[in-house]
Amino acid sequence: MMQCWTRLEQLKHMDFDKMQESRAQLQDLFRTFMLKSKESFNDEGEKTQI
């Protein structure tokens, strides 16, 4: 019985770690996306100024 419980705990923690990883990856993607959109926005602004 104890073995099953520890296994369950391991699975829980594993899923949690995976969630944290994917969340970090999503945040990185979002950051790069925001930076890219800012850059393109700045480019558009420069084009209109010329």
Protein backbone atom coordinates (compact mmCIF):
# COMPACT_ATOMS: atom_id res chain seq x y z
CA MET A 1 0.00 0.00 0.00
CA MET A 2 2.80 2.37 0.87
CA GLN A 3 4.48 1.71 -2.47
CA CYS A 4 1.35 2.64 -4.39
CA TRP A 5 1.05 5.90 -2.44
CA THR A 6 4.65 6.93 -3.08
CA ARG A 7 4.18 6.07 -6.76
CA LEU A 8 1.10 8.27 -6.85
CA GLU A 9 3.05 11.09 -5.22
CA GLN A 10 5.83 10.67 -7.77
CA LEU A 11 3.32 10.91 -10.60
CA LYS A 12 1.79 14.03 -9.07
CA HIS A 13 5.17 15.71 -8.73
CA MET A 14 6.17 14.63 -12.22
CA ASP A 15 3.04 16.20 -13.70
CA PHE A 16 3.63 19.34 -11.67
CA ASP A 17 7.20 19.62 -12.96
CA LYS A 18 5.99 19.15 -16.51
CA MET A 19 3.35 21.82 -16.00
CA GLN A 20 5.95 24.24 -14.66
CA GLU A 21 8.24 23.50 -17.63
CA SER A 22 5.52 24.01 -20.22
CA ARG A 23 4.44 27.17 -18.41
CA ALA A 24 7.98 28.55 -18.57
CA GLN A 25 8.16 27.66 -22.26
CA LEU A 26 4.86 29.43 -22.88
CA GLN A 27 6.11 32.53 -21.07
CA ASP A 28 9.30 32.52 -23.16
CA LEU A 29 7.25 32.19 -26.34
CA PHE A 30 4.97 35.02 -25.22
CA ARG A 31 7.99 37.22 -24.41
CA THR A 32 9.62 36.66 -27.79
CA PHE A 33 6.25 37.23 -29.49
CA MET A 34 5.79 40.52 -27.63
CA LEU A 35 9.34 41.63 -28.48
CA LYS A 36 8.80 40.75 -32.15
CA SER A 37 5.49 42.60 -32.29
CA LYS A 38 7.12 45.61 -30.59
CA GLU A 39 9.94 45.56 -33.15
CA SER A 40 7.51 45.35 -36.08
CA PHE A 41 5.43 48.11 -34.48
CA ASN A 42 8.55 50.31 -34.20
CA ASP A 43 9.42 49.52 -37.82
CA GLU A 44 5.93 50.59 -38.88
CA GLY A 45 6.31 53.81 -36.90
CA GLU A 46 9.66 54.58 -38.55
CA LYS A 47 8.17 53.90 -41.99
CA THR A 48 5.31 56.33 -41.39
CA GLN A 49 7.71 59.00 -40.09
CA ILE A 50 9.85 58.93 -43.26
